[in-house]
N, C-alpha and C. Protein backbone atom coordinates (compact mmCIF):
# COMPACT_ATOMS: atom_id res chain seq x y z
N MET A 1 77.65 89.44 95.79
CA MET A 1 77.66 90.22 97.02
C MET A 1 77.03 89.40 98.14
N ALA A 2 77.58 89.56 99.32
CA ALA A 2 77.09 88.81 100.48
C ALA A 2 75.73 89.31 100.92
N ASN A 3 74.93 88.39 101.43
CA ASN A 3 73.61 88.74 101.95
C ASN A 3 73.58 88.77 103.47
N ILE A 4 74.43 87.96 104.09
CA ILE A 4 74.44 87.85 105.54
C ILE A 4 75.20 89.03 106.14
N LYS A 5 74.67 89.56 107.24
CA LYS A 5 75.23 90.75 107.87
C LYS A 5 76.70 90.57 108.27
N SER A 6 77.02 89.43 108.85
CA SER A 6 78.40 89.18 109.29
C SER A 6 79.34 89.07 108.09
N ALA A 7 78.86 88.53 106.99
CA ALA A 7 79.68 88.41 105.79
C ALA A 7 79.95 89.79 105.19
N LYS A 8 78.96 90.67 105.25
CA LYS A 8 79.15 92.04 104.76
C LYS A 8 80.21 92.75 105.61
N LYS A 9 80.13 92.53 106.92
CA LYS A 9 81.11 93.15 107.81
C LYS A 9 82.51 92.61 107.52
N ARG A 10 82.63 91.31 107.29
CA ARG A 10 83.93 90.73 106.98
C ARG A 10 84.53 91.37 105.75
N ILE A 11 83.70 91.64 104.74
CA ILE A 11 84.18 92.28 103.52
C ILE A 11 84.77 93.65 103.85
N LEU A 12 84.08 94.42 104.67
CA LEU A 12 84.56 95.75 105.05
C LEU A 12 85.86 95.66 105.87
N VAL A 13 85.89 94.75 106.82
CA VAL A 13 87.06 94.60 107.68
C VAL A 13 88.26 94.14 106.86
N ASN A 14 88.03 93.19 105.95
CA ASN A 14 89.13 92.71 105.11
C ASN A 14 89.69 93.81 104.23
N ARG A 15 88.81 94.65 103.71
CA ARG A 15 89.25 95.76 102.86
C ARG A 15 90.12 96.73 103.66
N THR A 16 89.69 97.03 104.90
CA THR A 16 90.45 97.93 105.76
C THR A 16 91.83 97.36 106.06
N LYS A 17 91.88 96.07 106.40
CA LYS A 17 93.16 95.42 106.69
C LYS A 17 94.06 95.40 105.46
N TYR A 18 93.45 95.16 104.30
CA TYR A 18 94.20 95.12 103.04
C TYR A 18 94.86 96.47 102.79
N GLU A 19 94.11 97.55 102.98
CA GLU A 19 94.66 98.89 102.74
C GLU A 19 95.79 99.20 103.73
N ARG A 20 95.59 98.82 104.99
CA ARG A 20 96.60 99.08 106.01
C ARG A 20 97.88 98.30 105.72
N ASN A 21 97.73 97.02 105.37
CA ASN A 21 98.89 96.19 105.05
C ASN A 21 99.62 96.68 103.82
N LYS A 22 98.85 97.13 102.82
CA LYS A 22 99.43 97.65 101.58
C LYS A 22 100.30 98.88 101.87
N ALA A 23 99.79 99.77 102.71
CA ALA A 23 100.55 100.97 103.08
C ALA A 23 101.82 100.61 103.83
N ALA A 24 101.73 99.64 104.73
CA ALA A 24 102.90 99.22 105.51
C ALA A 24 103.95 98.59 104.61
N LYS A 25 103.53 97.74 103.67
CA LYS A 25 104.47 97.10 102.75
C LYS A 25 105.16 98.13 101.86
N SER A 26 104.41 99.14 101.45
CA SER A 26 104.97 100.20 100.64
C SER A 26 106.03 100.98 101.43
N ALA A 27 105.74 101.24 102.71
CA ALA A 27 106.70 101.94 103.57
C ALA A 27 107.98 101.13 103.74
N ILE A 28 107.84 99.82 103.85
CA ILE A 28 108.99 98.94 103.99
C ILE A 28 109.87 99.03 102.73
N LYS A 29 109.23 98.93 101.57
CA LYS A 29 109.98 98.98 100.31
C LYS A 29 110.70 100.32 100.16
N THR A 30 110.04 101.41 100.55
CA THR A 30 110.65 102.73 100.45
C THR A 30 111.85 102.83 101.37
N ALA A 31 111.72 102.33 102.60
CA ALA A 31 112.81 102.39 103.57
C ALA A 31 114.01 101.58 103.08
N ILE A 32 113.75 100.41 102.53
CA ILE A 32 114.83 99.56 102.00
C ILE A 32 115.53 100.27 100.85
N LYS A 33 114.74 100.88 99.99
CA LYS A 33 115.29 101.58 98.83
C LYS A 33 116.21 102.72 99.28
N LYS A 34 115.82 103.44 100.35
CA LYS A 34 116.65 104.55 100.84
C LYS A 34 118.00 104.05 101.34
N VAL A 35 117.99 102.91 102.00
CA VAL A 35 119.25 102.32 102.49
C VAL A 35 120.13 101.94 101.30
N GLU A 36 119.54 101.27 100.32
CA GLU A 36 120.31 100.81 99.16
C GLU A 36 120.87 101.98 98.35
N VAL A 37 120.08 103.04 98.21
CA VAL A 37 120.56 104.22 97.47
C VAL A 37 121.72 104.89 98.21
N ALA A 38 121.60 105.02 99.52
CA ALA A 38 122.67 105.63 100.31
C ALA A 38 123.95 104.82 100.22
N VAL A 39 123.83 103.51 100.23
CA VAL A 39 125.01 102.64 100.12
C VAL A 39 125.63 102.78 98.74
N SER A 40 124.79 102.81 97.71
CA SER A 40 125.32 102.89 96.34
C SER A 40 126.00 104.24 96.09
N GLU A 41 125.56 105.29 96.79
CA GLU A 41 126.21 106.60 96.66
C GLU A 41 127.48 106.68 97.50
N GLY A 42 127.67 105.71 98.38
CA GLY A 42 128.87 105.69 99.21
C GLY A 42 128.75 106.54 100.46
N ASN A 43 127.55 106.93 100.82
CA ASN A 43 127.32 107.76 101.98
C ASN A 43 126.99 106.88 103.18
N LYS A 44 128.02 106.50 103.93
CA LYS A 44 127.83 105.54 105.03
C LYS A 44 127.01 106.13 106.18
N GLU A 45 127.20 107.41 106.46
CA GLU A 45 126.45 108.07 107.54
C GLU A 45 124.95 108.02 107.27
N GLU A 46 124.59 108.43 106.07
CA GLU A 46 123.18 108.45 105.68
C GLU A 46 122.61 107.02 105.62
N ALA A 47 123.43 106.09 105.17
CA ALA A 47 123.00 104.70 105.10
C ALA A 47 122.72 104.14 106.48
N THR A 48 123.55 104.51 107.45
CA THR A 48 123.35 104.04 108.82
C THR A 48 122.06 104.59 109.40
N LYS A 49 121.79 105.88 109.17
CA LYS A 49 120.54 106.49 109.64
C LYS A 49 119.33 105.83 108.98
N ALA A 50 119.45 105.60 107.69
CA ALA A 50 118.35 104.96 106.95
C ALA A 50 118.14 103.52 107.43
N LEU A 51 119.24 102.86 107.78
CA LEU A 51 119.14 101.48 108.28
C LEU A 51 118.38 101.42 109.60
N VAL A 52 118.65 102.36 110.49
CA VAL A 52 117.94 102.40 111.77
C VAL A 52 116.44 102.57 111.55
N ASN A 53 116.09 103.48 110.64
CA ASN A 53 114.67 103.72 110.32
C ASN A 53 114.05 102.49 109.68
N ALA A 54 114.75 101.88 108.73
CA ALA A 54 114.22 100.71 108.03
C ALA A 54 114.04 99.54 109.00
N THR A 55 115.00 99.37 109.90
CA THR A 55 114.92 98.29 110.88
C THR A 55 113.68 98.44 111.76
N LYS A 56 113.43 99.66 112.17
CA LYS A 56 112.26 99.94 113.01
C LYS A 56 110.97 99.58 112.28
N ILE A 57 110.86 100.01 111.03
CA ILE A 57 109.65 99.77 110.24
C ILE A 57 109.47 98.27 109.98
N ILE A 58 110.55 97.60 109.62
CA ILE A 58 110.48 96.16 109.31
C ILE A 58 110.13 95.35 110.55
N ASP A 59 110.76 95.67 111.67
CA ASP A 59 110.47 94.93 112.91
C ASP A 59 109.02 95.12 113.35
N LYS A 60 108.51 96.33 113.18
CA LYS A 60 107.12 96.60 113.54
C LYS A 60 106.18 95.79 112.66
N ALA A 61 106.49 95.71 111.38
CA ALA A 61 105.66 94.92 110.47
C ALA A 61 105.71 93.43 110.83
N GLY A 62 106.87 92.97 111.24
CA GLY A 62 107.01 91.57 111.65
C GLY A 62 106.22 91.27 112.91
N SER A 63 106.21 92.20 113.84
CA SER A 63 105.48 91.96 115.09
C SER A 63 103.97 92.07 114.90
N LYS A 64 103.53 92.86 113.93
CA LYS A 64 102.09 93.02 113.69
C LYS A 64 101.53 91.95 112.75
N GLY A 65 102.41 91.12 112.20
CA GLY A 65 101.93 90.04 111.34
C GLY A 65 101.76 90.44 109.89
N ILE A 66 102.25 91.61 109.51
CA ILE A 66 102.17 92.04 108.12
C ILE A 66 103.10 91.18 107.27
N MET A 67 104.24 90.85 107.86
CA MET A 67 105.13 89.87 107.24
C MET A 67 105.58 88.92 108.32
N HIS A 68 106.03 87.74 107.93
CA HIS A 68 106.47 86.73 108.89
C HIS A 68 107.71 87.24 109.62
N LYS A 69 107.84 86.86 110.88
CA LYS A 69 108.96 87.32 111.70
C LYS A 69 110.31 86.94 111.11
N ASN A 70 110.41 85.75 110.55
CA ASN A 70 111.67 85.32 109.96
C ASN A 70 112.00 86.12 108.70
N THR A 71 110.98 86.46 107.93
CA THR A 71 111.19 87.29 106.74
C THR A 71 111.70 88.66 107.15
N ALA A 72 111.11 89.21 108.20
CA ALA A 72 111.54 90.51 108.71
C ALA A 72 113.00 90.43 109.17
N ALA A 73 113.33 89.38 109.89
CA ALA A 73 114.70 89.21 110.38
C ALA A 73 115.68 89.08 109.22
N ASN A 74 115.28 88.34 108.18
CA ASN A 74 116.16 88.18 107.01
C ASN A 74 116.39 89.51 106.31
N LYS A 75 115.35 90.32 106.18
CA LYS A 75 115.49 91.62 105.53
C LYS A 75 116.43 92.54 106.32
N VAL A 76 116.24 92.56 107.65
CA VAL A 76 117.09 93.39 108.50
C VAL A 76 118.54 92.92 108.41
N SER A 77 118.73 91.62 108.46
CA SER A 77 120.08 91.06 108.39
C SER A 77 120.76 91.42 107.07
N ARG A 78 120.01 91.28 105.98
CA ARG A 78 120.56 91.57 104.66
C ARG A 78 120.96 93.05 104.54
N LEU A 79 120.10 93.94 105.06
CA LEU A 79 120.40 95.37 104.99
C LEU A 79 121.59 95.73 105.87
N THR A 80 121.65 95.14 107.05
CA THR A 80 122.77 95.41 107.96
C THR A 80 124.09 94.98 107.34
N LYS A 81 124.07 93.81 106.72
CA LYS A 81 125.26 93.29 106.05
C LYS A 81 125.68 94.23 104.91
N LEU A 82 124.69 94.75 104.18
CA LEU A 82 124.97 95.67 103.07
C LEU A 82 125.62 96.95 103.58
N VAL A 83 125.07 97.52 104.65
CA VAL A 83 125.61 98.76 105.20
C VAL A 83 127.00 98.53 105.77
N ASN A 84 127.20 97.42 106.45
CA ASN A 84 128.51 97.14 107.05
C ASN A 84 129.59 96.92 106.00
N SER A 85 129.21 96.42 104.84
CA SER A 85 130.19 96.17 103.78
C SER A 85 130.45 97.43 102.94
N ALA A 86 129.65 98.48 103.16
CA ALA A 86 129.83 99.73 102.40
C ALA A 86 131.12 100.41 102.81
N LYS A 87 131.68 101.15 101.88
CA LYS A 87 132.95 101.85 102.13
C LYS A 87 132.73 103.27 102.56
């Protein structure tokens, strides 16, 4: 355990950031899953709505530094391609 006051604070701050990032990553995975499920069921309308929501969540995570901007762009691109190829 840290003895220095600033080190103790860093531990608390890092824990808070870890929890926040964990929640955001979980939300991203859930949003992606909803898009994939809608596409697999063949429901293009629902998939499009889910894609809009997922894009918003992913872009926000990319801008906040939770994931790299290029990773966020790749995920959005992959999902968009999936929805567009759905029947």
